[in-house]
C-alpha atoms as a PDB file:
ATOM      1  CA  MET A   1     -45.065  -7.018  74.588  1.00  0.00           C
ATOM      2  CA  HIS A   2     -45.516  -4.062  72.329  1.00  0.00           C
ATOM      3  CA  SER A   3     -41.826  -3.103  72.636  1.00  0.00           C
ATOM      4  CA  ARG A   4     -40.704  -6.664  71.925  1.00  0.00           C
ATOM      5  CA  ALA A   5     -42.948  -6.878  68.844  1.00  0.00           C
ATOM      6  CA  HIS A   6     -41.630  -3.525  67.663  1.00  0.00           C
ATOM      7  CA  ARG A   7     -38.023  -4.700  68.042  1.00  0.00           C
ATOM      8  CA  GLY A   8     -38.887  -7.916  66.161  1.00  0.00           C
ATOM      9  CA  GLY A   9     -40.445  -5.955  63.316  1.00  0.00           C
ATOM     10  CA  PHE A  10     -37.401  -3.677  63.139  1.00  0.00           C
ATOM     11  CA  ALA A  11     -35.058  -6.658  63.044  1.00  0.00           C
ATOM     12  CA  LEU A  12     -37.077  -8.263  60.251  1.00  0.00           C
ATOM     13  CA  GLY A  13     -37.028  -5.018  58.266  1.00  0.00           C
ATOM     14  CA  ALA A  14     -33.286  -4.727  58.736  1.00  0.00           C
ATOM     15  CA  VAL A  15     -32.791  -8.279  57.507  1.00  0.00           C
ATOM     16  CA  LEU A  16     -34.957  -7.640  54.443  1.00  0.00           C
ATOM     17  CA  TRP A  17     -33.055  -4.418  53.750  1.00  0.00           C
ATOM     18  CA  LEU A  18     -29.724  -6.251  53.979  1.00  0.00           C
ATOM     19  CA  LEU A  19     -31.014  -8.978  51.689  1.00  0.00           C
ATOM     20  CA  THR A  20     -32.118  -6.362  49.178  1.00  0.00           C
ATOM     21  CA  VAL A  21     -28.745  -4.626  49.300  1.00  0.00           C
ATOM     22  CA  CYS A  22     -26.925  -7.939  48.900  1.00  0.00           C
ATOM     23  CA  THR A  23     -29.154  -8.866  45.972  1.00  0.00           C
ATOM     24  CA  ILE A  24     -28.455  -5.531  44.266  1.00  0.00           C
ATOM     25  CA  LEU A  25     -24.713  -5.890  44.840  1.00  0.00           C
ATOM     26  CA  ALA A  26     -24.716  -9.462  43.605  1.00  0.00           C
ATOM     27  CA  THR A  27     -26.680  -8.472  40.501  1.00  0.00           C
ATOM     28  CA  ALA A  28     -24.257  -5.610  39.832  1.00  0.00           C
ATOM     29  CA  LEU A  29     -21.292  -7.943  40.175  1.00  0.00           C
ATOM     30  CA  VAL A  30     -22.906 -10.461  37.828  1.00  0.00           C
ATOM     31  CA  LEU A  31     -23.645  -7.765  35.260  1.00  0.00           C
ATOM     32  CA  ARG A  32     -20.142  -6.367  35.586  1.00  0.00           C
ATOM     33  CA  GLY A  33     -18.687  -9.823  35.157  1.00  0.00           C
ATOM     34  CA  ARG A  34     -20.919 -10.458  32.155  1.00  0.00           C
ATOM     35  CA  SER A  35     -19.906  -7.144  30.578  1.00  0.00           C
ATOM     36  CA  ALA A  36     -16.246  -7.950  31.146  1.00  0.00           C
ATOM     37  CA  TYR A  37     -16.764 -11.408  29.649  1.00  0.00           C
ATOM     38  CA  GLU A  38     -18.585  -9.994  26.613  1.00  0.00           C
ATOM     39  CA  ALA A  39     -15.899  -7.334  26.108  1.00  0.00           C
ATOM     40  CA  THR A  40     -13.180  -9.992  26.264  1.00  0.00           C
ATOM     41  CA  ARG A  41     -15.135 -12.237  23.906  1.00  0.00           C
ATOM     42  CA  ASN A  42     -15.677  -9.389  21.444  1.00  0.00           C
ATOM     43  CA  ARG A  43     -11.981  -8.494  21.515  1.00  0.00           C
ATOM     44  CA  ALA A  44     -11.088 -12.118  20.866  1.00  0.00           C
ATOM     45  CA  ASN A  45     -13.574 -12.342  17.972  1.00  0.00           C
ATOM     46  CA  ALA A  46     -12.315  -9.064  16.517  1.00  0.00           C
ATOM     47  CA  GLU A  47      -8.745 -10.361  16.723  1.00  0.00           C
ATOM     48  CA  ARG A  48      -9.777 -13.605  15.030  1.00  0.00           C
ATOM     49  CA  ALA A  49     -11.626 -11.712  12.277  1.00  0.00           C
ATOM     50  CA  TYR A  50      -8.583  -9.472  11.768  1.00  0.00           C
ATOM     51  CA  TRP A  51      -6.257 -12.421  11.203  1.00  0.00           C
ATOM     52  CA  ILE A  52      -8.785 -14.069   8.887  1.00  0.00           C
ATOM     53  CA  VAL A  53      -8.785 -10.865   6.842  1.00  0.00           C
ATOM     54  CA  GLU A  54      -4.979 -10.777   6.848  1.00  0.00           C
ATOM     55  CA  GLY A  55      -4.862 -14.301   5.473  1.00  0.00           C
ATOM     56  CA  CYS A  56      -7.368 -13.461   2.746  1.00  0.00           C
ATOM     57  CA  VAL A  57      -5.490 -10.258   1.811  1.00  0.00           C
ATOM     58  CA  ALA A  58      -2.315 -12.298   1.408  1.00  0.00           C
ATOM     59  CA  GLU A  59      -4.151 -14.832  -0.799  1.00  0.00           C
ATOM     60  CA  MET A  60      -5.641 -12.093  -2.978  1.00  0.00           C
ATOM     61  CA  ARG A  61      -2.380 -10.198  -3.376  1.00  0.00           C
ATOM     62  CA  GLU A  62      -0.623 -13.389  -4.392  1.00  0.00           C
ATOM     63  CA  ALA A  63      -3.303 -14.097  -7.019  1.00  0.00           C
ATOM     64  CA  LEU A  64      -3.153 -10.535  -8.367  1.00  0.00           C
ATOM     65  CA  ASP A  65       0.648 -10.465  -8.451  1.00  0.00           C
ATOM     66  CA  ALA A  66       0.775 -13.837 -10.209  1.00  0.00           C
ATOM     67  CA  THR A  67      -1.720 -12.688 -12.863  1.00  0.00           C
ATOM     68  CA  LEU A  68       0.292  -9.578 -13.715  1.00  0.00           C
ATOM     69  CA  ALA A  69       3.625 -11.406 -13.567  1.00  0.00           C
ATOM     70  CA  ARG A  70       2.614 -13.958 -16.203  1.00  0.00           C
ATOM     71  CA  THR A  71       1.032 -11.376 -18.522  1.00  0.00           C
ATOM     72  CA  SER A  72       3.028 -10.239 -21.537  1.00  0.00           C
ATOM     73  CA  PRO A  73       3.818  -6.509 -21.824  1.00  0.00           C
ATOM     74  CA  THR A  74       1.549  -6.138 -24.853  1.00  0.00           C
ATOM     75  CA  ALA A  75      -1.424  -7.719 -23.077  1.00  0.00           C
ATOM     76  CA  LEU A  76      -0.806  -5.959 -19.759  1.00  0.00           C
ATOM     77  CA  PRO A  77      -2.963  -2.842 -20.405  1.00  0.00           C
ATOM     78  CA  ALA A  78      -5.998  -4.970 -21.309  1.00  0.00           C
ATOM     79  CA  VAL A  79      -5.553  -7.195 -18.244  1.00  0.00           C
ATOM     80  CA  TRP A  80      -5.129  -4.147 -15.996  1.00  0.00           C
ATOM     81  CA  ARG A  81      -8.353  -2.608 -17.329  1.00  0.00           C
ATOM     82  CA  THR A  82     -10.264  -5.806 -16.509  1.00  0.00           C
ATOM     83  CA  LEU A  83      -8.409  -6.962 -13.417  1.00  0.00           C
ATOM     84  CA  ASP A  84     -11.647  -7.661 -11.554  1.00  0.00           C
ATOM     85  CA  VAL A  85     -12.579 -10.345 -14.105  1.00  0.00           C
ATOM     86  CA  ALA A  86      -9.053 -11.439 -14.983  1.00  0.00           C
ATOM     87  CA  VAL A  87      -8.487 -12.600 -11.402  1.00  0.00           C
ATOM     88  CA  THR A  88     -10.820 -15.025  -9.661  1.00  0.00           C
ATOM     89  CA  LEU A  89     -12.136 -13.325  -6.539  1.00  0.00           C
ATOM     90  CA  SER A  90     -13.401 -16.513  -4.896  1.00  0.00           C
ATOM     91  CA  LEU A  91     -11.411 -17.636  -1.873  1.00  0.00           C
ATOM     92  CA  PRO A  92     -11.251 -21.036  -0.145  1.00  0.00           C
ATOM     93  CA  PRO A  93     -14.415 -21.505   1.984  1.00  0.00           C
ATOM     94  CA  GLN A  94     -12.345 -22.261   5.080  1.00  0.00           C
ATOM     95  CA  LEU A  95     -10.978 -18.704   5.024  1.00  0.00           C
ATOM     96  CA  GLU A  96     -14.489 -17.340   5.696  1.00  0.00           C
ATOM     97  CA  CYS A  97     -13.982 -13.984   4.020  1.00  0.00           C
ATOM     98  CA  ARG A  98     -15.156 -11.971   1.010  1.00  0.00           C
ATOM     99  CA  ALA A  99     -13.118  -9.902  -1.431  1.00  0.00           C
ATOM    100  CA  THR A 100     -14.069  -7.248  -3.984  1.00  0.00           C
ATOM    101  CA  LEU A 101     -12.105  -5.221  -6.515  1.00  0.00           C
ATOM    102  CA  GLN A 102     -13.195  -1.824  -7.795  1.00  0.00           C
ATOM    103  CA  ALA A 103     -11.327   0.279 -10.296  1.00  0.00           C
ATOM    104  CA  VAL A 104     -10.131   3.649  -9.063  1.00  0.00           C
ATOM    105  CA  GLY A 105     -11.797   6.253 -11.274  1.00  0.00           C
ATOM    106  CA  SER A 106     -15.182   4.532 -11.395  1.00  0.00           C
ATOM    107  CA  ARG A 107     -16.522   7.300  -9.168  1.00  0.00           C
ATOM    108  CA  ILE A 108     -16.175  11.076  -8.992  1.00  0.00           C
ATOM    109  CA  ASP A 109     -13.626  12.453  -6.543  1.00  0.00           C
ATOM    110  CA  VAL A 110     -15.605  15.164  -4.717  1.00  0.00           C
ATOM    111  CA  ASN A 111     -12.430  16.801  -3.438  1.00  0.00           C
ATOM    112  CA  SER A 112     -11.158  17.660  -6.920  1.00  0.00           C
ATOM    113  CA  ALA A 113     -14.370  17.796  -8.977  1.00  0.00           C
ATOM    114  CA  SER A 114     -15.150  21.176 -10.527  1.00  0.00           C
ATOM    115  CA  ASP A 115     -18.458  22.896  -9.943  1.00  0.00           C
ATOM    116  CA  THR A 116     -19.318  22.280 -13.610  1.00  0.00           C
ATOM    117  CA  LEU A 117     -18.781  18.533 -13.278  1.00  0.00           C
ATOM    118  CA  LEU A 118     -20.773  18.366 -10.035  1.00  0.00           C
ATOM    119  CA  ARG A 119     -23.658  20.365 -11.490  1.00  0.00           C
ATOM    120  CA  LYS A 120     -23.799  18.115 -14.529  1.00  0.00           C
ATOM    121  CA  TYR A 121     -23.657  14.985 -12.363  1.00  0.00           C
ATOM    122  CA  PHE A 122     -26.508  16.081 -10.097  1.00  0.00           C
ATOM    123  CA  GLY A 123     -28.409  17.498 -13.063  1.00  0.00           C
ATOM    124  CA  GLU A 124     -28.848  13.996 -14.488  1.00  0.00           C
ATOM    125  CA  THR A 125     -31.505  13.298 -11.847  1.00  0.00           C
ATOM    126  CA  GLU A 126     -32.344  16.647 -10.217  1.00  0.00           C
ATOM    127  CA  ILE A 127     -33.765  19.906 -11.544  1.00  0.00           C
ATOM    128  CA  SER A 128     -31.180  22.591 -12.252  1.00  0.00           C
ATOM    129  CA  THR A 129     -31.842  24.635  -9.082  1.00  0.00           C
ATOM    130  CA  VAL A 130     -31.354  21.556  -6.880  1.00  0.00           C
ATOM    131  CA  ALA A 131     -28.242  20.531  -8.822  1.00  0.00           C
ATOM    132  CA  ASP A 132     -26.790  24.018  -8.337  1.00  0.00           C
ATOM    133  CA  ALA A 133     -27.551  23.951  -4.600  1.00  0.00           C
ATOM    134  CA  LEU A 134     -25.933  20.530  -4.125  1.00  0.00           C
ATOM    135  CA  ALA A 135     -22.809  21.473  -6.080  1.00  0.00           C
ATOM    136  CA  ASP A 136     -22.435  24.775  -4.218  1.00  0.00           C
ATOM    137  CA  ALA A 137     -22.973  23.076  -0.845  1.00  0.00           C
ATOM    138  CA  ILE A 138     -20.169  20.576  -1.544  1.00  0.00           C
ATOM    139  CA  ILE A 139     -17.755  23.288  -2.662  1.00  0.00           C
ATOM    140  CA  ASP A 140     -18.640  25.471   0.344  1.00  0.00           C
ATOM    141  CA  TRP A 141     -17.988  22.505   2.625  1.00  0.00           C
ATOM    142  CA  ARG A 142     -14.500  21.887   1.228  1.00  0.00           C
ATOM    143  CA  ASP A 143     -13.281  25.425   0.451  1.00  0.00           C
ATOM    144  CA  ALA A 144     -11.297  27.422   3.021  1.00  0.00           C
ATOM    145  CA  ASP A 145     -13.456  30.557   3.177  1.00  0.00           C
ATOM    146  CA  GLU A 146     -16.676  31.358   5.029  1.00  0.00           C
ATOM    147  CA  LEU A 147     -18.382  33.077   2.089  1.00  0.00           C
ATOM    148  CA  PRO A 148     -21.362  31.044   0.850  1.00  0.00           C
ATOM    149  CA  ARG A 149     -21.685  30.508  -2.884  1.00  0.00           C
ATOM    150  CA  PRO A 150     -24.947  31.728  -4.542  1.00  0.00           C
ATOM    151  CA  SER A 151     -26.823  28.500  -3.719  1.00  0.00           C
ATOM    152  CA  GLY A 152     -24.466  27.156  -1.070  1.00  0.00           C
ATOM    153  CA  ALA A 153     -24.207  27.041   2.719  1.00  0.00           C
ATOM    154  CA  GLU A 154     -21.374  27.970   5.064  1.00  0.00           C
ATOM    155  CA  ARG A 155     -20.855  27.889   8.836  1.00  0.00           C
ATOM    156  CA  ALA A 156     -23.670  30.366   9.621  1.00  0.00           C
ATOM    157  CA  TRP A 157     -26.303  28.109   8.037  1.00  0.00           C
ATOM    158  CA  TYR A 158     -25.034  24.961   9.734  1.00  0.00           C
ATOM    159  CA  THR A 159     -24.782  26.679  13.122  1.00  0.00           C
ATOM    160  CA  ALA A 160     -28.304  28.083  12.810  1.00  0.00           C
ATOM    161  CA  ASN A 161     -29.589  24.587  12.054  1.00  0.00           C
ATOM    162  CA  GLN A 162     -27.537  22.980  14.853  1.00  0.00           C
ATOM    163  CA  ARG A 163     -25.452  21.013  12.394  1.00  0.00           C
ATOM    164  CA  PRO A 164     -21.687  20.287  12.345  1.00  0.00           C
ATOM    165  CA  ALA A 165     -19.781  23.123  10.699  1.00  0.00           C
ATOM    166  CA  PRO A 166     -18.120  22.658   7.278  1.00  0.00           C
ATOM    167  CA  ARG A 167     -14.641  21.161   7.282  1.00  0.00           C
ATOM    168  CA  ASN A 168     -13.183  23.954   5.099  1.00  0.00           C
ATOM    169  CA  GLY A 169     -10.869  21.342   3.657  1.00  0.00           C
ATOM    170  CA  SER A 170     -10.891  18.058   1.775  1.00  0.00           C
ATOM    171  CA  LEU A 171     -13.454  15.485   2.874  1.00  0.00           C
ATOM    172  CA  VAL A 172     -11.838  12.514   4.616  1.00  0.00           C
ATOM    173  CA  SER A 173     -14.540   9.910   3.981  1.00  0.00           C
ATOM    174  CA  VAL A 174     -17.601   9.289   1.858  1.00  0.00           C
ATOM    175  CA  GLU A 175     -19.683   9.192   5.057  1.00  0.00           C
ATOM    176  CA  GLU A 176     -18.908  12.890   5.552  1.00  0.00           C
ATOM    177  CA  LEU A 177     -21.123  13.661   2.555  1.00  0.00           C
ATOM    178  CA  THR A 178     -24.169  12.982   4.743  1.00  0.00           C
ATOM    179  CA  LEU A 179     -23.280  16.080   6.795  1.00  0.00           C
ATOM    180  CA  ILE A 180     -23.582  18.368   3.762  1.00  0.00           C
ATOM    181  CA  ARG A 181     -26.838  20.224   3.240  1.00  0.00           C
ATOM    182  CA  GLY A 182     -29.052  18.413   0.752  1.00  0.00           C
ATOM    183  CA  LEU A 183     -27.188  15.101   0.916  1.00  0.00           C
ATOM    184  CA  GLU A 184     -28.296  14.012   4.403  1.00  0.00           C
ATOM    185  CA  ALA A 185     -30.369  11.067   3.212  1.00  0.00           C
ATOM    186  CA  ARG A 186     -29.589  10.773  -0.485  1.00  0.00           C
ATOM    187  CA  PRO A 187     -27.577   7.562  -0.991  1.00  0.00           C
ATOM    188  CA  ASP A 188     -28.845   7.577  -4.565  1.00  0.00           C
ATOM    189  CA  LEU A 189     -26.834  10.750  -5.209  1.00  0.00           C
ATOM    190  CA  THR A 190     -23.693   9.830  -3.271  1.00  0.00           C
ATOM    191  CA  ALA A 191     -23.275   6.236  -4.507  1.00  0.00           C
ATOM    192  CA  ASN A 192     -20.981   7.355  -7.347  1.00  0.00           C
ATOM    193  CA  LEU A 193     -18.987   9.877  -5.306  1.00  0.00           C
ATOM    194  CA  THR A 194     -15.689   9.160  -3.559  1.00  0.00           C
ATOM    195  CA  VAL A 195     -12.839  10.853  -1.720  1.00  0.00           C
ATOM    196  CA  GLU A 196     -10.274   8.603  -3.395  1.00  0.00           C
ATOM    197  CA  PRO A 197      -7.923  10.813  -5.485  1.00  0.00           C
ATOM    198  CA  SER A 198      -8.433   9.734  -9.070  1.00  0.00           C
ATOM    199  CA  ARG A 199      -9.132  10.652 -12.634  1.00  0.00           C
ATOM    200  CA  ILE A 200     -12.340   9.312 -14.151  1.00  0.00           C
ATOM    201  CA  CYS A 201     -11.641   6.074 -15.995  1.00  0.00           C
ATOM    202  CA  LEU A 202     -13.461   5.887 -19.331  1.00  0.00           C
ATOM    203  CA  THR A 203     -13.239   2.088 -19.417  1.00  0.00           C
ATOM    204  CA  THR A 204     -14.760   1.431 -15.971  1.00  0.00           C
ATOM    205  CA  ALA A 205     -16.923   4.405 -14.929  1.00  0.00           C
ATOM    206  CA  PRO A 206     -20.723   3.852 -15.024  1.00  0.00           C
ATOM    207  CA  ALA A 207     -23.011   5.781 -17.337  1.00  0.00           C
ATOM    208  CA  SER A 208     -24.015   8.339 -14.667  1.00  0.00           C
ATOM    209  CA  VAL A 209     -20.361   9.276 -14.105  1.00  0.00           C
ATOM    210  CA  LEU A 210     -19.531   9.410 -17.822  1.00  0.00           C
ATOM    211  CA  ALA A 211     -22.575  11.619 -18.416  1.00  0.00           C
ATOM    212  CA  ALA A 212     -21.166  14.164 -15.927  1.00  0.00           C
ATOM    213  CA  LEU A 213     -18.003  14.703 -17.965  1.00  0.00           C
ATOM    214  CA  PRO A 214     -17.830  18.116 -19.692  1.00  0.00           C
ATOM    215  CA  GLY A 215     -18.396  17.767 -23.409  1.00  0.00           C
ATOM    216  CA  PHE A 216     -19.878  14.263 -23.164  1.00  0.00           C
ATOM    217  CA  THR A 217     -23.250  14.032 -24.865  1.00  0.00           C
ATOM    218  CA  ALA A 218     -25.764  11.238 -24.321  1.00  0.00           C
ATOM    219  CA  ALA A 219     -24.647   9.786 -27.673  1.00  0.00           C
ATOM    220  CA  THR A 220     -21.005   9.791 -26.546  1.00  0.00           C
ATOM    221  CA  VAL A 221     -21.874   7.921 -23.346  1.00  0.00           C
ATOM    222  CA  THR A 222     -23.840   5.346 -25.344  1.00  0.00           C
ATOM    223  CA  GLN A 223     -20.891   4.903 -27.712  1.00  0.00           C
ATOM    224  CA  VAL A 224     -18.462   4.312 -24.831  1.00  0.00           C
ATOM    225  CA  LEU A 225     -20.745   1.716 -23.267  1.00  0.00           C
ATOM    226  CA  THR A 226     -21.270   0.011 -26.636  1.00  0.00           C
ATOM    227  CA  ASP A 227     -17.530  -0.110 -27.277  1.00  0.00           C
ATOM    228  CA  ARG A 228     -16.983  -1.687 -23.879  1.00  0.00           C
ATOM    229  CA  ALA A 229     -19.613  -4.340 -24.478  1.00  0.00           C
ATOM    230  CA  ASN A 230     -17.994  -5.188 -27.820  1.00  0.00           C
ATOM    231  CA  GLY A 231     -14.481  -5.234 -26.366  1.00  0.00           C
ATOM    232  CA  ALA A 232     -13.412  -2.283 -28.527  1.00  0.00           C
ATOM    233  CA  TRP A 233     -11.225  -0.428 -26.020  1.00  0.00           C
ATOM    234  CA  ILE A 234     -10.837   3.325 -26.351  1.00  0.00           C
ATOM    235  CA  GLY A 235      -7.294   4.240 -27.312  1.00  0.00           C
ATOM    236  CA  ASP A 236      -7.627   7.921 -26.363  1.00  0.00           C
ATOM    237  CA  LEU A 237     -10.027  10.840 -26.641  1.00  0.00           C
ATOM    238  CA  ASN A 238      -9.181  11.379 -30.310  1.00  0.00           C
ATOM    239  CA  VAL A 239     -10.108   7.772 -31.079  1.00  0.00           C
ATOM    240  CA  LEU A 240     -13.401   8.328 -29.274  1.00  0.00           C
ATOM    241  CA  ARG A 241     -14.044  11.479 -31.318  1.00  0.00           C
ATOM    242  CA  GLY A 242     -13.718   9.399 -34.454  1.00  0.00           C
ATOM    243  CA  ARG A 243     -16.471   7.024 -33.309  1.00  0.00           C
ATOM    244  CA  VAL A 244     -19.176   9.587 -32.511  1.00  0.00           C
ATOM    245  CA  SER A 245     -21.261  12.005 -34.561  1.00  0.00           C
ATOM    246  CA  PRO A 246     -19.759  15.324 -35.735  1.00  0.00           C
ATOM    247  CA  ALA A 247     -21.780  17.234 -33.133  1.00  0.00           C
ATOM    248  CA  SER A 248     -20.596  14.984 -30.299  1.00  0.00           C
ATOM    249  CA  ALA A 249     -17.028  15.125 -31.624  1.00  0.00           C
ATOM    250  CA  ASP A 250     -17.138  18.940 -31.640  1.00  0.00           C
ATOM    251  CA  SER A 251     -18.429  18.898 -28.064  1.00  0.00           C
ATOM    252  CA  ILE A 252     -15.467  16.743 -26.975  1.00  0.00           C
ATOM    253  CA  LEU A 253     -13.070  19.023 -28.843  1.00  0.00           C
ATOM    254  CA  THR A 254     -14.460  22.106 -27.099  1.00  0.00           C
ATOM    255  CA  HIS A 255     -13.659  20.569 -23.705  1.00  0.00           C
ATOM    256  CA  PHE A 256     -10.634  18.580 -24.856  1.00  0.00           C
ATOM    257  CA  GLN A 257      -8.073  20.218 -22.553  1.00  0.00           C
ATOM    258  CA  GLU A 258     -10.162  19.727 -19.411  1.00  0.00           C
ATOM    259  CA  LEU A 259     -11.093  16.172 -20.393  1.00  0.00           C
ATOM    260  CA  SER A 260      -7.424  15.332 -20.929  1.00  0.00           C
ATOM    261  CA  LEU A 261      -6.698  16.337 -17.330  1.00  0.00           C
ATOM    262  CA  ILE A 262      -9.595  14.634 -15.551  1.00  0.00           C
ATOM    263  CA  THR A 263      -9.974  11.377 -17.507  1.00  0.00           C
ATOM    264  CA  THR A 264      -7.864   8.303 -18.165  1.00  0.00           C
ATOM    265  CA  ILE A 265      -8.171   5.211 -20.328  1.00  0.00           C
ATOM    266  CA  GLU A 266      -6.693   2.834 -17.763  1.00  0.00           C
ATOM    267  CA  PRO A 267      -7.568   2.809 -14.046  1.00  0.00           C
ATOM    268  CA  ASP A 268      -5.093   4.724 -11.897  1.00  0.00           C
ATOM    269  CA  GLY A 269      -5.376   1.840  -9.448  1.00  0.00           C
ATOM    270  CA  TRP A 270      -7.684  -0.743  -7.912  1.00  0.00           C
ATOM    271  CA  ILE A 271      -9.332  -0.859  -4.498  1.00  0.00           C
ATOM    272  CA  LEU A 272      -9.166  -4.298  -2.906  1.00  0.00           C
ATOM    273  CA  THR A 273     -11.618  -4.713  -0.019  1.00  0.00           C
ATOM    274  CA  VAL A 274     -11.554  -7.845   2.122  1.00  0.00           C
ATOM    275  CA  THR A 275     -14.082  -8.457   4.914  1.00  0.00           C
ATOM    276  CA  ALA A 276     -14.512 -11.224   7.479  1.00  0.00           C
ATOM    277  CA  SER A 277     -16.471 -11.816  10.678  1.00  0.00           C
ATOM    278  CA  ALA A 278     -16.078 -14.101  13.675  1.00  0.00           C
ATOM    279  CA  GLY A 279     -18.117 -15.106  16.713  1.00  0.00           C
ATOM    280  CA  SER A 280     -21.759 -14.775  17.659  1.00  0.00           C
ATOM    281  CA  PRO A 281     -22.859 -12.057  17.585  1.00  0.00           C
ATOM    282  CA  ALA A 282     -20.494 -11.579  14.668  1.00  0.00           C
ATOM    283  CA  ILE A 283     -17.681  -9.037  14.893  1.00  0.00           C
ATOM    284  CA  ALA A 284     -16.748  -7.811  11.419  1.00  0.00           C
ATOM    285  CA  VAL A 285     -13.396  -6.478  10.226  1.00  0.00           C
ATOM    286  CA  ALA A 286     -12.679  -4.941   6.823  1.00  0.00           C
ATOM    287  CA  THR A 287      -9.355  -4.030   5.250  1.00  0.00           C
ATOM    288  CA  GLU A 288      -9.134  -1.800   2.184  1.00  0.00           C
ATOM    289  CA  LEU A 289      -6.018  -1.471   0.032  1.00  0.00           C
ATOM    290  CA  ARG A 290      -5.360   0.815  -2.895  1.00  0.00           C
ATOM    291  CA  LEU A 291      -3.183  -1.010  -5.412  1.00  0.00           C
ATOM    292  CA  ASP A 292      -1.342   0.864  -8.156  1.00  0.00           C
ATOM    293  CA  ARG A 293       0.713  -0.714 -10.927  1.00  0.00           C
ATOM    294  CA  TYR A 294       4.388  -0.315 -11.686  1.00  0.00           C
ATOM    295  CA  ALA A 295       5.153  -2.319 -14.856  1.00  0.00           C
ATOM    296  CA  ASN A 296       3.819  -5.779 -13.980  1.00  0.00           C
ATOM    297  CA  ARG A 297       3.998  -5.336 -10.212  1.00  0.00           C
ATOM    298  CA  LEU A 298       1.437  -4.146  -7.695  1.00  0.00           C
ATOM    299  CA  LEU A 299       2.242  -1.436  -5.164  1.00  0.00           C
ATOM    300  CA  VAL A 300       0.178  -0.879  -2.003  1.00  0.00           C
ATOM    301  CA  VAL A 301      -0.150   2.907  -1.769  1.00  0.00           C
ATOM    302  CA  ARG A 302      -2.833   3.013   0.943  1.00  0.00           C
ATOM    303  CA  ARG A 303      -4.173   0.624   3.556  1.00  0.00           C
ATOM    304  CA  ARG A 304      -7.122   1.105   5.909  1.00  0.00           C
ATOM    305  CA  THR A 305      -8.561  -1.378   8.435  1.00  0.00           C
ATOM    306  CA  GLN A 306     -11.788  -0.918  10.359  1.00  0.00           C
END
C-alpha cells in the first residue's frame, strides 16, 4: 500500500511539473508572439508616420516655392527675412502633421564660435568664472589637442569622472552639448546654441544672441530689436552705427572686421521641421530640411529624418 501510494504521489508530482512547464512555455510563446505583433505594429505605424511627414514636406515646399516665385526681385529680401510669417504654416487637418520654420543664424554655432563670443554669451547669465569655464570646456571638447585650457577640461578629467571623452572635433548634434562639463543639465544655456553652420542673423537672432556679439552694447541690442518691431530693417553694420549712440557706434567700429565675418543681415537659410505621429501608442517621425535660397528658388542643402 505504501509503495502504491508513493508511486501515485510521484505520478501526480510529475503531472504537476509537466503542467507547470507547459504553462511556462505557453506563456513564453504568447509573450514572444505579442512582442512580434507589437514590433510589426510599431514598424507599420512608423512607416505610416513617415509617409505622412513626406506628404506634409511636399505641401510645405510647394507653398514656400510658390511664395518666392511670385515675389518681385525688389521685395524678395524682405520676404526672405520674414519667410516664417510670409508663408502660412498651417496644413490641412487630414494630414495630421506640424511644421515649423526657423531662420538659420538665430542661434550661435558652437563649432565656429570664438572663445570671446562664448564667454560673452554665457556671461549674460553667469558670473565671469563660470562663463570662462563653460567657454573653455566647449573649446576643449571640440579642439584636436589634449591640453586643457585654463578653465577647461580634457580627456583626463572626463576619464577620472567616468564620463565620455571629448570628441576632439566638431560637435555633430546639439544633444552632444549635454556631455560637456558644466552643461549637463542646463537647457537654459544651450537653448540658443546650435551645430548648424551659420552666421548670426541680425534680423532674426534673439536678444541673448545679439548681446553675445563682440562690440554690441546693451543699447545696440535694444536698437536692433526696436528697429525690427518698427519694420525698419538694418541695411548693414554702417547703417546700424548711424542709429546708435557715439559710444555704441565706436564699439561696433572697434570690432567691425570680426562682426563683418560672423554676422549677416539676411538668414543664410531656413530650417523646415515637419513632425507627425501614427498609431497608439503613437510613433513619431520628424524630418528636418535646411533650405537655402538661389534667386527666387529654394535649394535643399541638408535633410535629416528621425
